[in-house]
Amino acid sequence: MKWLLVVYFFVAGEWVTADSIGMDGWGSIYYKTDEECLTRQHEFTDNMKNYSNAIRAQCEHIGFY
């Protein structure tokens, strides 16, 4: 299975992916396991805690279960 860490920005009242608005350096990253992705998600959340109302990250499963 593959997991994708997706970064979201709060823009004009809605959460949009960094990929969809072309934010260089903020693109989604693939991980082989959910554990690795969730670890990175928690690190991201800790690093961005001062901006939690504008930036967040979420692990999303890619493909079939």
PDB file of N, CA and C in Angstrom:
ATOM      1  N   MET A   1       0.826  -1.180   0.000  1.00  0.00           N
ATOM      2  CA  MET A   1       0.000   0.000   0.000  1.00  0.00           C
ATOM      3  C   MET A   1       0.871   1.244   0.000  1.00  0.00           C
ATOM      4  N   LYS A   2       0.306   2.303  -0.516  1.00  0.00           N
ATOM      5  CA  LYS A   2       1.004   3.586  -0.504  1.00  0.00           C
ATOM      6  C   LYS A   2       0.163   4.611   0.236  1.00  0.00           C
ATOM      7  N   TRP A   3       0.866   5.486   0.906  1.00  0.00           N
ATOM      8  CA  TRP A   3       0.230   6.566   1.650  1.00  0.00           C
ATOM      9  C   TRP A   3       0.815   7.886   1.184  1.00  0.00           C
ATOM     10  N   LEU A   4      -0.011   8.886   1.168  1.00  0.00           N
ATOM     11  CA  LEU A   4       0.385  10.199   0.692  1.00  0.00           C
ATOM     12  C   LEU A   4       0.171  11.211   1.812  1.00  0.00           C
ATOM     13  N   LEU A   5       1.215  11.962   2.139  1.00  0.00           N
ATOM     14  CA  LEU A   5       1.084  13.046   3.105  1.00  0.00           C
ATOM     15  C   LEU A   5       0.743  14.301   2.308  1.00  0.00           C
ATOM     16  N   VAL A   6      -0.461  14.791   2.509  1.00  0.00           N
ATOM     17  CA  VAL A   6      -0.975  15.928   1.752  1.00  0.00           C
ATOM     18  C   VAL A   6      -1.012  17.148   2.662  1.00  0.00           C
ATOM     19  N   VAL A   7      -0.474  18.262   2.176  1.00  0.00           N
ATOM     20  CA  VAL A   7      -0.487  19.519   2.922  1.00  0.00           C
ATOM     21  C   VAL A   7      -1.650  20.367   2.411  1.00  0.00           C
ATOM     22  N   TYR A   8      -2.386  20.929   3.361  1.00  0.00           N
ATOM     23  CA  TYR A   8      -3.528  21.783   3.042  1.00  0.00           C
ATOM     24  C   TYR A   8      -3.299  23.190   3.573  1.00  0.00           C
ATOM     25  N   PHE A   9      -3.791  24.178   2.817  1.00  0.00           N
ATOM     26  CA  PHE A   9      -3.790  25.573   3.246  1.00  0.00           C
ATOM     27  C   PHE A   9      -5.234  26.052   3.306  1.00  0.00           C
ATOM     28  N   PHE A  10      -5.528  26.892   4.281  1.00  0.00           N
ATOM     29  CA  PHE A  10      -6.864  27.470   4.411  1.00  0.00           C
ATOM     30  C   PHE A  10      -6.891  28.753   3.590  1.00  0.00           C
ATOM     31  N   VAL A  11      -7.610  28.717   2.477  1.00  0.00           N
ATOM     32  CA  VAL A  11      -7.633  29.835   1.537  1.00  0.00           C
ATOM     33  C   VAL A  11      -9.081  30.198   1.233  1.00  0.00           C
ATOM     34  N   ALA A  12      -9.418  31.447   1.417  1.00  0.00           N
ATOM     35  CA  ALA A  12     -10.751  31.965   1.091  1.00  0.00           C
ATOM     36  C   ALA A  12     -11.854  31.116   1.710  1.00  0.00           C
ATOM     37  N   GLY A  13     -11.653  30.700   2.969  1.00  0.00           N
ATOM     38  CA  GLY A  13     -12.680  29.982   3.694  1.00  0.00           C
ATOM     39  C   GLY A  13     -12.778  28.494   3.460  1.00  0.00           C
ATOM     40  N   GLU A  14     -11.804  27.913   2.750  1.00  0.00           N
ATOM     41  CA  GLU A  14     -11.827  26.467   2.542  1.00  0.00           C
ATOM     42  C   GLU A  14     -10.415  25.888   2.528  1.00  0.00           C
ATOM     43  N   TRP A  15     -10.305  24.603   2.875  1.00  0.00           N
ATOM     44  CA  TRP A  15      -9.021  23.901   2.859  1.00  0.00           C
ATOM     45  C   TRP A  15      -8.747  23.396   1.451  1.00  0.00           C
ATOM     46  N   VAL A  16      -7.591  23.782   0.899  1.00  0.00           N
ATOM     47  CA  VAL A  16      -7.181  23.339  -0.436  1.00  0.00           C
ATOM     48  C   VAL A  16      -5.784  22.734  -0.355  1.00  0.00           C
ATOM     49  N   THR A  17      -5.507  21.782  -1.227  1.00  0.00           N
ATOM     50  CA  THR A  17      -4.191  21.147  -1.198  1.00  0.00           C
ATOM     51  C   THR A  17      -3.130  22.088  -1.746  1.00  0.00           C
ATOM     52  N   ALA A  18      -1.934  21.943  -1.211  1.00  0.00           N
ATOM     53  CA  ALA A  18      -0.807  22.733  -1.705  1.00  0.00           C
ATOM     54  C   ALA A  18      -0.560  22.421  -3.181  1.00  0.00           C
ATOM     55  N   ASP A  19      -0.780  21.156  -3.568  1.00  0.00           N
ATOM     56  CA  ASP A  19      -0.600  20.767  -4.972  1.00  0.00           C
ATOM     57  C   ASP A  19      -1.565  21.524  -5.885  1.00  0.00           C
ATOM     58  N   SER A  20      -2.798  21.688  -5.440  1.00  0.00           N
ATOM     59  CA  SER A  20      -3.811  22.311  -6.297  1.00  0.00           C
ATOM     60  C   SER A  20      -3.589  23.802  -6.508  1.00  0.00           C
ATOM     61  N   ILE A  21      -2.852  24.439  -5.591  1.00  0.00           N
ATOM     62  CA  ILE A  21      -2.587  25.875  -5.754  1.00  0.00           C
ATOM     63  C   ILE A  21      -1.124  26.151  -6.117  1.00  0.00           C
ATOM     64  N   GLY A  22      -0.389  25.089  -6.439  1.00  0.00           N
ATOM     65  CA  GLY A  22       0.971  25.236  -6.956  1.00  0.00           C
ATOM     66  C   GLY A  22       1.989  25.780  -5.966  1.00  0.00           C
ATOM     67  N   MET A  23       1.893  25.372  -4.717  1.00  0.00           N
ATOM     68  CA  MET A  23       2.840  25.831  -3.696  1.00  0.00           C
ATOM     69  C   MET A  23       4.133  25.018  -3.796  1.00  0.00           C
ATOM     70  N   ASP A  24       5.148  25.604  -4.406  1.00  0.00           N
ATOM     71  CA  ASP A  24       6.443  24.932  -4.546  1.00  0.00           C
ATOM     72  C   ASP A  24       7.013  24.584  -3.175  1.00  0.00           C
ATOM     73  N   GLY A  25       7.519  23.354  -3.055  1.00  0.00           N
ATOM     74  CA  GLY A  25       8.126  22.914  -1.815  1.00  0.00           C
ATOM     75  C   GLY A  25       7.148  22.361  -0.794  1.00  0.00           C
ATOM     76  N   TRP A  26       5.851  22.420  -1.079  1.00  0.00           N
ATOM     77  CA  TRP A  26       4.829  21.945  -0.153  1.00  0.00           C
ATOM     78  C   TRP A  26       4.059  20.765  -0.736  1.00  0.00           C
ATOM     79  N   GLY A  27       4.546  20.197  -1.817  1.00  0.00           N
ATOM     80  CA  GLY A  27       3.846  19.111  -2.499  1.00  0.00           C
ATOM     81  C   GLY A  27       3.722  17.847  -1.671  1.00  0.00           C
ATOM     82  N   SER A  28       2.788  17.013  -2.065  1.00  0.00           N
ATOM     83  CA  SER A  28       2.528  15.753  -1.378  1.00  0.00           C
ATOM     84  C   SER A  28       3.727  14.814  -1.481  1.00  0.00           C
ATOM     85  N   ILE A  29       3.886  13.967  -0.454  1.00  0.00           N
ATOM     86  CA  ILE A  29       5.005  13.026  -0.397  1.00  0.00           C
ATOM     87  C   ILE A  29       4.455  11.627  -0.170  1.00  0.00           C
ATOM     88  N   TYR A  30       4.976  10.647  -0.940  1.00  0.00           N
ATOM     89  CA  TYR A  30       4.555   9.255  -0.815  1.00  0.00           C
ATOM     90  C   TYR A  30       5.346   8.537   0.278  1.00  0.00           C
ATOM     91  N   TYR A  31       4.633   7.656   1.010  1.00  0.00           N
ATOM     92  CA  TYR A  31       5.251   6.796   2.005  1.00  0.00           C
ATOM     93  C   TYR A  31       4.731   5.372   1.799  1.00  0.00           C
ATOM     94  N   LYS A  32       5.546   4.392   2.122  1.00  0.00           N
ATOM     95  CA  LYS A  32       5.172   2.987   1.923  1.00  0.00           C
ATOM     96  C   LYS A  32       4.196   2.477   2.980  1.00  0.00           C
ATOM     97  N   THR A  33       4.289   3.015   4.194  1.00  0.00           N
ATOM     98  CA  THR A  33       3.443   2.505   5.273  1.00  0.00           C
ATOM     99  C   THR A  33       2.669   3.642   5.934  1.00  0.00           C
ATOM    100  N   ASP A  34       1.540   3.267   6.531  1.00  0.00           N
ATOM    101  CA  ASP A  34       0.756   4.250   7.264  1.00  0.00           C
ATOM    102  C   ASP A  34       1.513   4.757   8.490  1.00  0.00           C
ATOM    103  N   GLU A  35       2.285   3.881   9.119  1.00  0.00           N
ATOM    104  CA  GLU A  35       3.049   4.269  10.300  1.00  0.00           C
ATOM    105  C   GLU A  35       4.059   5.377   9.979  1.00  0.00           C
ATOM    106  N   GLU A  36       4.784   5.205   8.881  1.00  0.00           N
ATOM    107  CA  GLU A  36       5.766   6.220   8.482  1.00  0.00           C
ATOM    108  C   GLU A  36       5.065   7.539   8.141  1.00  0.00           C
ATOM    109  N   CYS A  37       3.974   7.453   7.425  1.00  0.00           N
ATOM    110  CA  CYS A  37       3.241   8.663   7.047  1.00  0.00           C
ATOM    111  C   CYS A  37       2.710   9.385   8.285  1.00  0.00           C
ATOM    112  N   LEU A  38       2.116   8.631   9.197  1.00  0.00           N
ATOM    113  CA  LEU A  38       1.569   9.250  10.408  1.00  0.00           C
ATOM    114  C   LEU A  38       2.647   9.874  11.276  1.00  0.00           C
ATOM    115  N   THR A  39       3.822   9.253  11.318  1.00  0.00           N
ATOM    116  CA  THR A  39       4.945   9.837  12.051  1.00  0.00           C
ATOM    117  C   THR A  39       5.298  11.193  11.456  1.00  0.00           C
ATOM    118  N   ARG A  40       5.391  11.259  10.143  1.00  0.00           N
ATOM    119  CA  ARG A  40       5.717  12.530   9.474  1.00  0.00           C
ATOM    120  C   ARG A  40       4.600  13.556   9.647  1.00  0.00           C
ATOM    121  N   GLN A  41       3.349  13.081   9.640  1.00  0.00           N
ATOM    122  CA  GLN A  41       2.222  13.989   9.854  1.00  0.00           C
ATOM    123  C   GLN A  41       2.306  14.635  11.231  1.00  0.00           C
ATOM    124  N   HIS A  42       2.611  13.843  12.241  1.00  0.00           N
ATOM    125  CA  HIS A  42       2.727  14.379  13.602  1.00  0.00           C
ATOM    126  C   HIS A  42       3.904  15.350  13.715  1.00  0.00           C
ATOM    127  N   GLU A  43       5.011  15.047  13.060  1.00  0.00           N
ATOM    128  CA  GLU A  43       6.151  15.970  13.057  1.00  0.00           C
ATOM    129  C   GLU A  43       5.771  17.288  12.395  1.00  0.00           C
ATOM    130  N   PHE A  44       5.068  17.199  11.270  1.00  0.00           N
ATOM    131  CA  PHE A  44       4.616  18.399  10.566  1.00  0.00           C
ATOM    132  C   PHE A  44       3.709  19.227  11.481  1.00  0.00           C
ATOM    133  N   THR A  45       2.768  18.554  12.119  1.00  0.00           N
ATOM    134  CA  THR A  45       1.825  19.245  13.010  1.00  0.00           C
ATOM    135  C   THR A  45       2.564  19.948  14.138  1.00  0.00           C
ATOM    136  N   ASP A  46       3.541  19.277  14.728  1.00  0.00           N
ATOM    137  CA  ASP A  46       4.339  19.901  15.792  1.00  0.00           C
ATOM    138  C   ASP A  46       5.100  21.114  15.289  1.00  0.00           C
ATOM    139  N   ASN A  47       5.689  20.999  14.095  1.00  0.00           N
ATOM    140  CA  ASN A  47       6.472  22.100  13.536  1.00  0.00           C
ATOM    141  C   ASN A  47       5.616  23.292  13.124  1.00  0.00           C
ATOM    142  N   MET A  48       4.362  23.044  12.775  1.00  0.00           N
ATOM    143  CA  MET A  48       3.476  24.099  12.278  1.00  0.00           C
ATOM    144  C   MET A  48       2.408  24.510  13.284  1.00  0.00           C
ATOM    145  N   LYS A  49       2.593  24.169  14.563  1.00  0.00           N
ATOM    146  CA  LYS A  49       1.548  24.422  15.553  1.00  0.00           C
ATOM    147  C   LYS A  49       1.151  25.891  15.647  1.00  0.00           C
ATOM    148  N   ASN A  50       2.049  26.798  15.336  1.00  0.00           N
ATOM    149  CA  ASN A  50       1.720  28.229  15.375  1.00  0.00           C
ATOM    150  C   ASN A  50       0.855  28.661  14.187  1.00  0.00           C
ATOM    151  N   TYR A  51       0.724  27.797  13.197  1.00  0.00           N
ATOM    152  CA  TYR A  51      -0.035  28.119  11.991  1.00  0.00           C
ATOM    153  C   TYR A  51      -1.184  27.135  11.753  1.00  0.00           C
ATOM    154  N   SER A  52      -1.611  26.448  12.824  1.00  0.00           N
ATOM    155  CA  SER A  52      -2.598  25.379  12.677  1.00  0.00           C
ATOM    156  C   SER A  52      -3.941  25.854  12.129  1.00  0.00           C
ATOM    157  N   ASN A  53      -4.217  27.141  12.210  1.00  0.00           N
ATOM    158  CA  ASN A  53      -5.463  27.649  11.643  1.00  0.00           C
ATOM    159  C   ASN A  53      -5.345  27.920  10.141  1.00  0.00           C
ATOM    160  N   ALA A  54      -4.137  27.777   9.585  1.00  0.00           N
ATOM    161  CA  ALA A  54      -3.936  28.073   8.165  1.00  0.00           C
ATOM    162  C   ALA A  54      -3.252  26.954   7.387  1.00  0.00           C
ATOM    163  N   ILE A  55      -2.547  26.044   8.085  1.00  0.00           N
ATOM    164  CA  ILE A  55      -1.807  24.974   7.412  1.00  0.00           C
ATOM    165  C   ILE A  55      -2.012  23.679   8.191  1.00  0.00           C
ATOM    166  N   ARG A  56      -2.261  22.588   7.464  1.00  0.00           N
ATOM    167  CA  ARG A  56      -2.356  21.283   8.113  1.00  0.00           C
ATOM    168  C   ARG A  56      -1.896  20.212   7.138  1.00  0.00           C
ATOM    169  N   ALA A  57      -1.622  19.027   7.656  1.00  0.00           N
ATOM    170  CA  ALA A  57      -1.220  17.894   6.820  1.00  0.00           C
ATOM    171  C   ALA A  57      -2.064  16.689   7.204  1.00  0.00           C
ATOM    172  N   GLN A  58      -2.268  15.810   6.231  1.00  0.00           N
ATOM    173  CA  GLN A  58      -3.099  14.634   6.460  1.00  0.00           C
ATOM    174  C   GLN A  58      -2.593  13.478   5.618  1.00  0.00           C
ATOM    175  N   CYS A  59      -2.528  12.288   6.210  1.00  0.00           N
ATOM    176  CA  CYS A  59      -2.170  11.084   5.479  1.00  0.00           C
ATOM    177  C   CYS A  59      -3.400  10.552   4.756  1.00  0.00           C
ATOM    178  N   GLU A  60      -3.227  10.220   3.499  1.00  0.00           N
ATOM    179  CA  GLU A  60      -4.315   9.678   2.701  1.00  0.00           C
ATOM    180  C   GLU A  60      -3.846   8.421   2.000  1.00  0.00           C
ATOM    181  N   HIS A  61      -4.687   7.390   2.039  1.00  0.00           N
ATOM    182  CA  HIS A  61      -4.359   6.114   1.405  1.00  0.00           C
ATOM    183  C   HIS A  61      -4.541   6.236  -0.106  1.00  0.00           C
ATOM    184  N   ILE A  62      -3.581   5.693  -0.843  1.00  0.00           N
ATOM    185  CA  ILE A  62      -3.616   5.718  -2.296  1.00  0.00           C
ATOM    186  C   ILE A  62      -3.795   4.292  -2.796  1.00  0.00           C
ATOM    187  N   GLY A  63      -4.752   4.073  -3.642  1.00  0.00           N
ATOM    188  CA  GLY A  63      -4.950   2.744  -4.217  1.00  0.00           C
ATOM    189  C   GLY A  63      -5.984   1.936  -3.475  1.00  0.00           C
ATOM    190  N   PHE A  64      -5.917   0.620  -3.672  1.00  0.00           N
ATOM    191  CA  PHE A  64      -6.889  -0.308  -3.100  1.00  0.00           C
ATOM    192  C   PHE A  64      -6.437  -0.819  -1.744  1.00  0.00           C
ATOM    193  N   TYR A  65      -7.397  -1.206  -0.916  1.00  0.00           N
ATOM    194  CA  TYR A  65      -7.105  -1.794   0.395  1.00  0.00           C
ATOM    195  C   TYR A  65      -6.818  -3.261   0.219  1.00  0.00           C
TER     196      TYR A  65
END
